[in-house]
Protein backbone atom coordinates (compact mmCIF):
# COMPACT_ATOMS: atom_id res chain seq x y z
CA UNK A 1 -0.15 0.34 -0.10
CA UNK A 2 1.29 3.44 -0.95
CA UNK A 3 0.40 6.16 1.91
CA UNK A 4 0.22 10.04 0.66
CA UNK A 5 1.11 11.75 4.15
CA UNK A 6 0.39 15.04 5.10
CA UNK A 7 3.67 15.87 7.00
CA UNK A 8 2.87 18.65 9.24
CA UNK A 9 -0.42 17.81 9.59
CA UNK A 10 0.84 14.55 11.15
CA UNK A 11 3.27 15.93 13.41
CA UNK A 12 0.84 17.83 15.06
CA UNK A 13 -1.11 14.44 16.45
CA UNK A 14 2.43 12.76 17.41
CA UNK A 15 4.00 12.50 20.78
CA UNK A 16 7.67 13.34 21.11
CA UNK A 17 7.62 15.94 18.26
CA UNK A 18 6.32 19.48 18.22
CA UNK A 19 5.40 21.77 14.99
CA UNK A 20 7.66 24.50 16.49
CA UNK A 21 10.93 22.24 16.75
CA UNK A 22 13.44 23.20 13.49
CA UNK A 23 14.01 19.38 13.32
CA UNK A 24 10.40 18.42 13.45
CA UNK A 25 10.49 17.19 9.71
CA UNK A 26 13.59 14.80 10.12
CA UNK A 27 12.46 13.38 13.67
CA UNK A 28 9.04 12.57 11.53
CA UNK A 29 11.11 10.95 8.76
CA UNK A 30 12.97 9.06 11.32
CA UNK A 31 10.00 7.32 12.73
CA UNK A 32 8.39 6.80 9.48
CA UNK A 33 11.42 4.77 8.25
CA UNK A 34 11.17 2.85 10.98
CA UNK A 35 7.39 1.97 10.37
CA UNK A 36 7.69 1.25 6.54
CA UNK A 37 10.83 -1.28 7.34
CA UNK A 38 8.52 -3.43 9.83
CA UNK A 39 6.81 -3.85 6.79
CA UNK A 40 8.42 -3.62 3.41
CA UNK A 41 4.72 -3.57 1.50
CA UNK A 42 4.28 -0.11 2.76
CA UNK A 43 5.98 2.95 0.61
CA UNK A 44 5.19 6.57 1.44
CA UNK A 45 5.22 9.85 -0.32
CA UNK A 46 5.71 12.64 2.38
CA UNK A 47 4.84 16.26 1.68
CA UNK A 48 6.32 19.40 3.71
CA UNK A 49 5.42 22.84 3.13
CA UNK A 50 8.79 24.40 2.00
CA UNK A 51 11.87 25.11 4.06
CA UNK A 52 15.22 25.16 3.24
CA UNK A 53 14.52 22.58 0.44
CA UNK A 54 12.22 22.77 -2.85
CA UNK A 55 10.77 19.86 -4.60
CA UNK A 56 11.67 16.24 -4.16
CA UNK A 57 14.41 15.74 -1.32
CA UNK A 58 16.65 13.18 -2.83
CA UNK A 59 19.12 13.16 -0.01
CA UNK A 60 16.30 12.30 2.56
CA UNK A 61 14.37 10.14 0.02
CA UNK A 62 15.01 6.16 -0.11
CA UNK A 63 14.03 3.22 -1.67
CA UNK A 64 10.39 3.34 0.23
CA UNK A 65 10.04 6.86 1.29
CA UNK A 66 9.93 9.77 -1.05
CA UNK A 67 10.07 13.22 0.76
CA UNK A 68 8.96 16.45 -1.51
CA UNK A 69 8.62 19.85 -0.07
CA UNK A 70 6.46 22.73 -1.96
CA UNK A 71 7.97 25.95 -3.32
CA UNK A 72 7.32 29.47 -2.31
CA UNK A 73 4.21 29.82 -4.77
CA UNK A 74 2.96 26.30 -3.69
CA UNK A 75 1.60 24.97 -0.31
CA UNK A 76 1.93 21.64 0.79
CA UNK A 77 -1.78 21.14 0.25
CA UNK A 78 -1.93 21.90 -3.19
CA UNK A 79 0.80 19.59 -3.71
CA UNK A 80 -1.17 16.48 -2.41
CA UNK A 81 -4.39 17.66 -4.17
CA UNK A 82 -2.52 17.95 -7.43
CA UNK A 83 -0.98 14.20 -6.60
CA UNK A 84 -4.52 12.89 -5.89
CA UNK A 85 -5.90 14.10 -9.22
CA UNK A 86 -3.06 12.41 -11.23
CA UNK A 87 -3.22 8.95 -9.64
CA UNK A 88 -3.79 6.29 -12.30
CA UNK A 89 -4.59 3.74 -9.51
CA UNK A 90 -6.45 5.28 -6.77
CA UNK A 91 -7.27 2.20 -5.24
CA UNK A 92 -3.47 1.52 -4.42
CA UNK A 93 -3.23 4.64 -2.44
CA UNK A 94 -4.14 5.67 1.38
CA UNK A 95 -4.35 9.39 2.07
CA UNK A 96 -3.21 10.28 5.73
CA UNK A 97 -4.92 14.01 6.74
CA UNK A 98 -7.08 15.57 8.48
CA UNK A 99 -7.49 18.44 6.11
CA UNK A 100 -11.23 18.76 5.00
CA UNK A 101 -10.43 20.15 1.71
CA UNK A 102 -7.89 17.38 0.94
CA UNK A 103 -10.13 14.74 2.04
CA UNK A 104 -12.96 15.88 -0.38
CA UNK A 105 -10.62 15.60 -2.99
CA UNK A 106 -9.70 12.15 -1.76
CA UNK A 107 -13.25 11.03 -1.37
CA UNK A 108 -13.82 12.11 -5.17
CA UNK A 109 -11.33 9.96 -6.22
CA UNK A 110 -11.97 7.28 -4.17
CA UNK A 111 -8.90 7.25 -2.24
CA UNK A 112 -9.04 5.21 0.97
CA UNK A 113 -8.39 7.63 3.84
CA UNK A 114 -7.17 7.91 7.64
CA UNK A 115 -7.56 10.72 9.90
CA UNK A 116 -3.98 11.90 11.15
CA UNK A 117 -5.04 11.43 14.83
CA UNK A 118 -5.74 7.80 13.99
CA UNK A 119 -2.69 7.22 12.01
CA UNK A 120 -0.45 8.54 14.77
CA UNK A 121 -2.22 6.28 17.67
CA UNK A 122 -1.60 3.18 15.24
CA UNK A 123 1.94 4.01 14.66
CA UNK A 124 3.00 4.59 18.32
CA UNK A 125 1.26 1.76 18.99
CA UNK A 126 3.73 -0.61 16.78
CA UNK A 127 6.37 1.48 17.86
CA UNK A 128 5.58 0.64 21.81
CA UNK A 129 4.93 -3.07 20.80
CA UNK A 130 8.60 -3.04 18.93
CA UNK A 131 10.37 -1.40 21.79
CA UNK A 132 8.80 -4.35 24.20
CA UNK A 133 10.17 -7.07 21.83
CA UNK A 134 13.47 -5.64 21.43
CA UNK A 135 14.13 -5.09 25.09
CA UNK A 136 16.74 -7.51 26.28
CA UNK A 137 15.53 -9.68 29.08
CA UNK A 138 18.02 -9.57 31.99
CA UNK A 139 18.58 -12.70 33.85
CA UNK A 140 19.08 -13.04 37.36
CA UNK A 141 22.87 -14.26 38.18
CA UNK A 142 22.48 -17.65 39.46
CA UNK A 143 24.69 -17.86 42.91
CA UNK A 144 27.69 -20.14 43.30
CA UNK A 145 26.43 -21.21 46.62
CA UNK A 146 22.47 -22.01 45.29
CA UNK A 147 21.52 -25.60 44.15
CA UNK A 148 18.40 -26.99 42.76
CA UNK A 149 16.36 -28.44 45.24
CA UNK A 150 15.62 -32.33 44.97
CA UNK A 151 12.00 -33.50 44.37
CA UNK A 152 10.74 -36.18 46.11
CA UNK A 153 10.84 -38.46 43.14
CA UNK A 154 14.51 -38.03 42.64
CA UNK A 155 14.90 -38.34 46.58
CA UNK A 156 13.31 -41.98 46.00
CA UNK A 157 15.18 -42.61 43.34
CA UNK A 158 18.30 -41.84 44.89
CA UNK A 159 17.89 -44.20 48.01
CA UNK A 160 16.47 -47.20 45.38
CA UNK A 161 20.00 -46.64 43.71
CA UNK A 162 22.46 -46.43 46.66
CA UNK A 163 20.35 -47.23 49.90
CA UNK A 164 20.00 -44.98 52.81
CA UNK A 165 22.75 -42.72 54.28
CA UNK A 166 24.13 -44.52 57.37
CA UNK A 167 24.08 -42.59 60.33
CA UNK A 168 27.41 -42.12 62.31
CA UNK A 169 27.30 -43.57 65.83
CA UNK A 170 27.25 -40.88 68.48
CA UNK A 171 29.87 -40.90 70.94
CA UNK A 172 29.48 -41.43 74.85
CA UNK A 173 29.46 -37.90 76.32
CA UNK A 174 31.86 -37.58 79.23
CA UNK A 175 30.95 -36.18 82.62
CA UNK A 176 32.55 -32.98 82.87
CA UNK A 177 34.85 -33.35 86.05
CA UNK A 178 34.63 -29.93 88.10
CA UNK A 179 37.28 -27.63 88.31
CA UNK A 180 39.12 -27.30 91.79
CA UNK A 181 36.85 -30.05 93.18
CA UNK A 182 38.78 -31.47 96.03
CA UNK A 183 39.34 -35.39 95.59
CA UNK A 184 37.42 -37.68 97.66
CA UNK A 185 39.34 -38.90 100.86
CA UNK A 186 39.51 -42.62 100.80
CA UNK A 187 39.77 -44.03 104.60
CA UNK A 188 41.19 -47.30 105.42
CA UNK A 189 39.51 -49.74 108.52
CA UNK A 190 41.39 -49.07 111.49
CA UNK A 191 43.35 -52.00 112.91
CA UNK A 192 41.68 -54.18 115.60
CA UNK A 193 42.25 -53.27 119.24
CA UNK A 194 45.39 -55.48 120.77
CA UNK A 195 43.81 -58.49 123.36
CA UNK A 196 43.48 -57.27 126.67
CA UNK A 197 45.46 -58.96 129.71
CA UNK A 198 43.56 -61.24 132.20
CA UNK A 199 44.25 -58.44 134.79
CA UNK A 200 42.45 -55.46 132.31
CA UNK A 201 39.50 -57.89 132.01
CA UNK A 202 39.06 -58.01 135.62
CA UNK A 203 39.84 -54.69 136.74
CA UNK A 204 37.17 -53.40 133.62
CA UNK A 205 34.08 -55.37 134.38
CA UNK A 206 33.66 -55.38 130.70
CA UNK A 207 32.48 -58.58 128.78
CA UNK A 208 34.84 -60.26 126.59
CA UNK A 209 35.35 -59.33 122.87
CA UNK A 210 34.97 -62.00 119.96
CA UNK A 211 38.78 -62.33 119.74
CA UNK A 212 39.44 -62.28 123.74
CA UNK A 213 36.92 -65.64 123.64
CA UNK A 214 39.08 -67.65 120.98
CA UNK A 215 42.19 -66.98 123.14
């Protein structure tokens, strides 16, 4: 499809570019180039009111876009109307403008029309979608210590192949000795008393012990 675009009329509907900008024509041209590259079936003839250039700007035109500036004696609107009247296959063209006078000529010539505001909205949607698809996806770096968790099925498969992991025997705990604790005193039995003499037994009046009876 070949698009006849009223350049300054479209600039007034686009975000990011102003008619007061001295580079407004160049900014629109760059965006239209990306738009045509996205679909090579699109071709554009872009009309601007005269500035520094007059007629076709060959250094700005390319394989898919032709840029035309009006002369001092003629407006861009007049150039578009002239182009509409000279079309041999009107059904192959689409007019992009919101200018009422130009649209009347296009309607009479049965040329398809798209208002500038709608064309701008559609083009900006494509630009946004293209930015989203072209944006690089940042991958989260994996930590060296990070290991994937095993599923229950993987754990069971591991146990079937290698058996359960043997548990290490626990070492018996030793009782901790208290520091500076006094050692327990060991007592030895007292030696038996020596046997008493017969005179001592008489004088004491005590009963005889077992060892004294055996004697």
